[in-house]
Amino acid sequence: MLLLIGSLQQGFIYALLALGIYISFRILNIPDLTAEGSFTFGLAVSAMLTVAGHPVLGLVLAFGAGLAAGLVTGLIQTKLRVHPVLSGILTMSGLYSINLLVMNKSSNVSLIASDTVFKVVQNLGMSQDGAKLLVSAAAAIIVLILVILFFKTQTGLCIRATGDNEDMVSASSINVDATKMLAIALSNALIALSGGLLSQYQGFADINSGVGILVVGLASVIIGEALVGKRGVSIGFVSALVGSIVYRLIVAVAINSSIFPAFMLKLVSAVIVAAALSLPTIKYHMERRKIKREALKNAGN
């Protein structure tokens, strides 16, 4: 039971990351590598403000920090015409120094003695696990609803159209550069918010927390699509949330089993991610084999 509760708590927190990854990778079809930097940026900002006694403001400014990071990547990509992959790498590299600066040149900040949003809710009379589950679930569901509603607005539809056919959107007198910048900024804002919430959940902030986080988010998106399917943007966002929870549950089961020791976490996570990324290819080959068997069967008749 504790395993399930812990997976749900972390699954909802990382769902914000998955929603951000979905916007850049699935809607815009842009491989944005800013995620590792913006995730840690949000984590650092949230941690420092929580230490200062402002946990809610920490989450708000974590969102704003990610927004700013995404805008920088968008500017480099659209105005300087730098390749999307390289523009993300440039921003991510620069954010490492900025994150250290935000954390007062320390690689680790403890929040044990500070009041986080989870502790605030817990002080209202809830258990620790109950407060963590309530806050993380509420954050993920509220953001999910807001994002779905946003992508049904005119601006959201322009972003979706840009991802589908950039040339057609440009011919329709829509500012493609502005649309891309907005989408990349929103994507990284959600990723940074996930990092900000995680720092308060785990009680510390580490400069290396964002390492490999992009792959985790992408795996959540792909697992969700494999389980829920691809049936529009709204369902896509829901599938990203579901995939995040399932991914955390798979990791928790693998790590808590007697087969894998604790130090194998990175290897186990890498294998799970590789398997998740391989799902579309495996499914494609299985469908092709099925079609071939049916064709041979019909030919025999």
Foldseek 3Di string as FASTA:
>chain_A
DVLLLVLLLLLLLCLLLLLLLCLQCPQQVFPAQLLLLLLLQLLLQQQVVQVVPHNPVSLVVSLVSQLVLLLQLLCCCQVVVDHNHVSNVVSSVVSLVVSCVSNVVDQKDFQVVGQHQLNVQVVVPNDSSVSSNVVSNVVSVVVLVVVVVVLVDPLNVLSNVCNVPVVVSVVVVDDSSVSSSNSSSNSRSSSSSSSSSVCRVVRMRGSNPSVPSSLLSVLLLLQLCVVQNDDDDSSSSVSSSVSSSVLSSQLSVVDPDPPDDNVCSVVSSVVSSVVSVCVVVVVVVVVVVVVVVVVVVVVVD
